[in-house]
Protein backbone atom coordinates (compact mmCIF):
# COMPACT_ATOMS: atom_id res chain seq x y z
CA MET A 1 76.86 -217.21 39.34
CA LYS A 2 78.77 -213.92 40.23
CA VAL A 3 81.68 -213.36 42.66
CA SER A 4 81.70 -210.47 44.87
CA ALA A 5 85.04 -207.95 44.60
CA ARG A 6 85.12 -208.85 48.63
CA HIS A 7 85.31 -212.81 47.86
CA TYR A 8 88.06 -212.04 45.14
CA GLY A 9 90.28 -210.01 47.67
CA PHE A 10 90.27 -213.27 51.06
CA ALA A 11 91.09 -215.79 48.38
CA ALA A 12 93.62 -213.58 46.97
CA ARG A 13 94.85 -213.56 51.11
CA ILE A 14 94.37 -217.17 51.07
CA LEU A 15 96.61 -217.84 47.75
CA SER A 16 98.98 -215.29 49.61
CA LEU A 17 99.10 -217.16 52.83
CA LEU A 18 99.06 -220.84 51.82
CA LEU A 19 102.48 -219.38 49.19
CA PHE A 20 104.32 -218.11 52.11
CA GLY A 21 104.01 -221.05 54.37
CA SER A 22 104.84 -223.51 51.86
CA GLY A 23 108.25 -220.88 51.13
CA PHE A 24 108.96 -221.11 54.74
CA ALA A 25 108.21 -224.85 55.15
CA ALA A 26 111.42 -225.49 52.76
CA CYS A 27 114.04 -222.92 54.58
CA GLU A 28 115.32 -222.91 58.07
CA ASN A 29 113.31 -221.98 61.27
CA PRO A 30 115.81 -219.30 61.43
CA PHE A 31 114.15 -219.19 65.06
CA GLN A 32 115.39 -222.88 65.61
CA THR A 33 119.12 -223.19 68.10
CA ARG A 34 122.06 -223.88 66.15
CA THR A 35 124.23 -226.46 66.62
CA PRO A 36 127.49 -225.28 67.57
CA GLU A 37 130.27 -224.99 65.99
CA SER A 38 133.53 -227.43 67.10
CA PRO A 39 135.85 -225.19 69.03
CA LYS A 40 138.98 -224.01 66.84
CA ARG A 41 142.38 -225.38 68.76
CA VAL A 42 145.40 -225.08 66.58
CA GLN A 43 147.27 -228.61 67.52
CA GLY A 44 150.88 -227.89 65.77
CA ASN A 45 153.43 -230.13 65.28
CA PHE A 46 153.81 -231.69 67.73
CA THR A 47 155.23 -235.66 67.99
CA LEU A 48 153.76 -237.60 70.88
CA PRO A 49 158.21 -237.91 72.66
CA HIS A 50 159.10 -241.66 72.45
CA SER A 51 162.71 -241.23 72.10
CA PRO A 52 164.51 -238.32 73.13
CA GLY A 53 165.62 -237.42 69.68
CA ILE A 54 162.02 -236.70 69.11
CA VAL A 55 161.50 -233.75 71.85
CA PHE A 56 163.81 -231.20 69.73
CA ALA A 57 162.46 -232.36 66.97
CA ASN A 58 159.08 -230.60 68.85
CA LEU A 59 161.35 -227.91 70.70
CA ARG A 60 161.99 -226.92 66.59
CA ASN A 61 158.57 -226.77 65.50
CA ALA A 62 157.71 -225.34 68.14
CA MET A 63 158.80 -222.45 68.33
CA ALA A 64 158.29 -222.56 64.17
CA GLU A 65 155.14 -222.43 64.31
CA LEU A 66 155.45 -219.72 67.97
CA ASN A 67 153.22 -221.89 69.54
CA VAL A 68 153.06 -222.67 73.45
CA VAL A 69 151.44 -224.70 74.79
CA ASN A 70 153.65 -227.35 72.70
CA TYR A 71 156.90 -225.43 73.31
CA GLU A 72 156.57 -226.21 77.16
CA ARG A 73 154.75 -229.46 76.27
CA CYS A 74 159.23 -230.30 75.67
CA PHE A 75 159.76 -230.06 79.45
CA ALA A 76 159.33 -231.72 82.14
CA ASP A 77 156.35 -231.50 83.84
CA SER A 78 156.19 -232.17 88.18
CA THR A 79 152.43 -233.63 87.38
CA ARG A 80 153.97 -236.52 85.02
CA SER A 81 157.57 -236.92 86.28
CA ASP A 82 159.60 -236.54 89.44
CA ARG A 83 161.55 -234.21 87.80
CA GLN A 84 161.62 -230.67 87.73
CA PHE A 85 162.44 -228.42 85.19
CA ARG A 86 165.96 -225.87 85.10
CA PHE A 87 167.73 -223.63 83.59
CA ILE A 88 171.62 -222.38 84.45
CA PRO A 89 172.30 -219.84 82.52
CA GLU A 90 175.03 -218.33 80.52
CA ALA A 91 178.28 -217.25 83.24
CA THR A 92 177.82 -213.76 81.96
CA VAL A 93 174.07 -212.90 81.73
CA ALA A 94 174.11 -214.73 85.34
CA ASN A 95 176.53 -211.95 85.95
CA THR A 96 174.56 -209.55 84.72
CA ASN A 97 171.15 -210.16 86.30
CA PRO A 98 171.63 -211.31 89.82
CA GLY A 99 169.14 -213.46 91.24
CA LEU A 100 166.65 -213.62 87.28
CA PHE A 101 167.92 -217.21 87.06
CA SER A 102 167.54 -218.47 90.85
CA ARG A 103 164.71 -219.69 90.42
CA TRP A 104 163.77 -219.83 86.77
CA SER A 105 161.58 -223.12 86.15
CA ILE A 106 158.85 -224.27 83.58
CA LYS A 107 156.36 -221.48 84.67
CA GLU A 108 159.13 -218.75 83.83
CA GLU A 109 159.76 -221.07 80.61
CA ARG A 110 156.74 -220.03 78.92
CA ASP A 111 156.52 -217.28 79.93
CA TYR A 112 159.84 -215.87 78.58
CA PHE A 113 158.49 -217.78 74.80
CA ALA A 114 155.29 -216.08 75.38
CA ARG A 115 156.33 -212.63 75.44
CA MET A 116 159.04 -212.93 72.72
CA ARG A 117 156.17 -214.41 70.19
CA ASP A 118 153.41 -211.87 71.77
CA PRO A 119 154.58 -209.01 70.32
CA LEU A 120 156.20 -210.77 66.68
CA PRO A 121 154.65 -209.98 63.16
CA ALA A 122 151.98 -212.86 62.47
CA ASP A 123 154.11 -214.41 59.36
CA SER A 124 156.87 -214.02 61.70
CA THR A 125 159.04 -217.14 62.56
CA PHE A 126 162.10 -218.41 64.90
CA SER A 127 164.57 -220.42 62.42
CA LEU A 128 166.34 -222.48 65.01
CA ARG A 129 169.62 -224.62 64.11
CA LEU A 130 170.44 -227.19 66.50
CA ASP A 131 173.56 -229.55 65.52
CA SER A 132 174.79 -232.40 67.97
CA LEU A 133 178.46 -232.96 69.52
CA GLN A 134 177.69 -235.46 72.25
CA THR A 135 175.13 -237.69 72.75
CA VAL A 136 174.66 -240.25 75.92
CA VAL A 137 171.88 -241.90 76.24
CA THR A 138 171.35 -244.66 79.42
CA GLY A 139 167.64 -245.75 80.27
CA ASP A 140 165.60 -243.01 80.98
CA SER A 141 167.86 -240.63 80.90
CA ALA A 142 170.30 -238.42 78.16
CA THR A 143 172.39 -236.23 77.58
CA PHE A 144 172.63 -233.65 74.60
CA PHE A 145 175.45 -231.42 74.21
CA GLN A 146 175.03 -229.44 70.74
CA ARG A 147 175.66 -226.43 68.92
CA TYR A 148 172.84 -223.80 68.17
CA GLU A 149 171.87 -220.55 66.58
CA LEU A 150 168.75 -218.82 67.00
CA ILE A 151 167.20 -216.67 64.70
CA VAL A 152 164.44 -214.35 66.32
CA ARG A 153 162.76 -211.53 64.11
CA HIS A 154 161.25 -209.90 66.98
CA GLN A 155 160.76 -205.58 67.79
CA ARG A 156 163.45 -204.62 69.84
CA GLN A 157 166.61 -204.62 68.05
CA THR A 158 166.88 -201.54 68.94
CA SER A 159 166.90 -201.71 72.14
CA GLY A 160 169.50 -203.87 72.32
CA VAL A 161 168.33 -206.69 72.01
CA PRO A 162 169.87 -209.05 69.10
CA ARG A 163 167.77 -211.27 66.61
CA LYS A 164 170.54 -213.64 66.53
CA VAL A 165 172.60 -215.48 69.70
CA SER A 166 174.11 -218.31 69.05
CA GLY A 167 175.99 -220.43 71.85
CA GLU A 168 176.32 -223.84 72.80
CA GLY A 169 173.83 -226.10 75.38
CA ARG A 170 173.74 -228.99 77.82
CA PHE A 171 169.94 -230.74 77.70
CA TRP A 172 169.44 -232.75 80.03
CA LEU A 173 166.70 -235.35 79.18
CA SER A 174 164.65 -237.87 81.19
CA ARG A 175 161.42 -240.45 80.31
CA ASP A 176 157.87 -239.86 82.63
CA GLN A 177 155.92 -242.66 83.55
CA PHE A 178 154.13 -242.98 80.71
CA GLY A 179 157.80 -242.86 77.98
CA ASP A 180 157.71 -239.71 77.27
CA TRP A 181 160.65 -238.09 77.06
CA SER A 182 161.32 -234.53 78.26
CA ILE A 183 164.05 -231.93 78.53
CA TYR A 184 164.92 -231.33 82.74
CA ARG A 185 168.02 -229.75 83.59
CA TRP A 186 169.22 -226.59 80.36
CA ALA A 187 172.27 -225.10 81.19
CA ASP A 188 173.69 -222.38 78.37
CA PHE A 189 177.72 -221.84 77.52
CA SER A 190 179.07 -219.52 75.61
CA SER A 191 180.83 -220.33 71.97
CA GLY A 192 182.67 -216.80 71.13
CA SER A 193 179.33 -215.04 70.04
CA THR A 194 178.91 -211.62 72.38
CA PHE A 195 175.14 -212.41 72.84
CA THR A 196 173.84 -216.14 73.86
CA TRP A 197 170.30 -217.41 74.29
CA SER A 198 170.43 -216.62 77.92
CA THR A 199 170.48 -212.12 76.24
CA LEU A 200 166.75 -213.40 75.22
CA LYS A 201 165.65 -215.40 78.01
CA ALA A 202 166.97 -212.26 79.76
CA ALA A 203 165.42 -209.48 77.72
CA PHE A 204 162.12 -210.80 77.49
CA ALA A 205 161.84 -212.19 80.97
CA GLN A 206 159.91 -209.18 82.70
């Protein structure tokens, strides 16, 4: 039986459609809605502060990782505690910046840290050293007196903002209703150095 060229062409088209269909079925449907990926969130190196000493480990880690969220978690949250965070600057800095620290709350603490962090190179870190001078823990409260040295490789040294500050800090901590410790009061003191931590806070306050 003779098969016309027309029949050959029709058969070829059918075969092509079948091959295309089988190949398409084997692949993922490009028009199908993809399952969204889980949102990525950098948790950082944060340990639940069930003892007061952990708070300072979290503080160092948050600064080294430039983690604003974890930095803020080191200070008293009024929604979890009856305490409100307050910072008392070093006397010389307070005198040269009248009114700046009068309402310094956890918001100002977080904002200064975020402003200091933002212009830093991606590979830059803070280096914080704390040496204990005195520690008193009584029930749900604690007081730490520590000598500190902080190095921040920011880009504003040409404006007279120091990259290295040192001094002494007195930290008051309390335990909230969930059993977590945090800093609710922080006083900064000079130990003979020209620049203290208060200097950086004043420089990056706004």
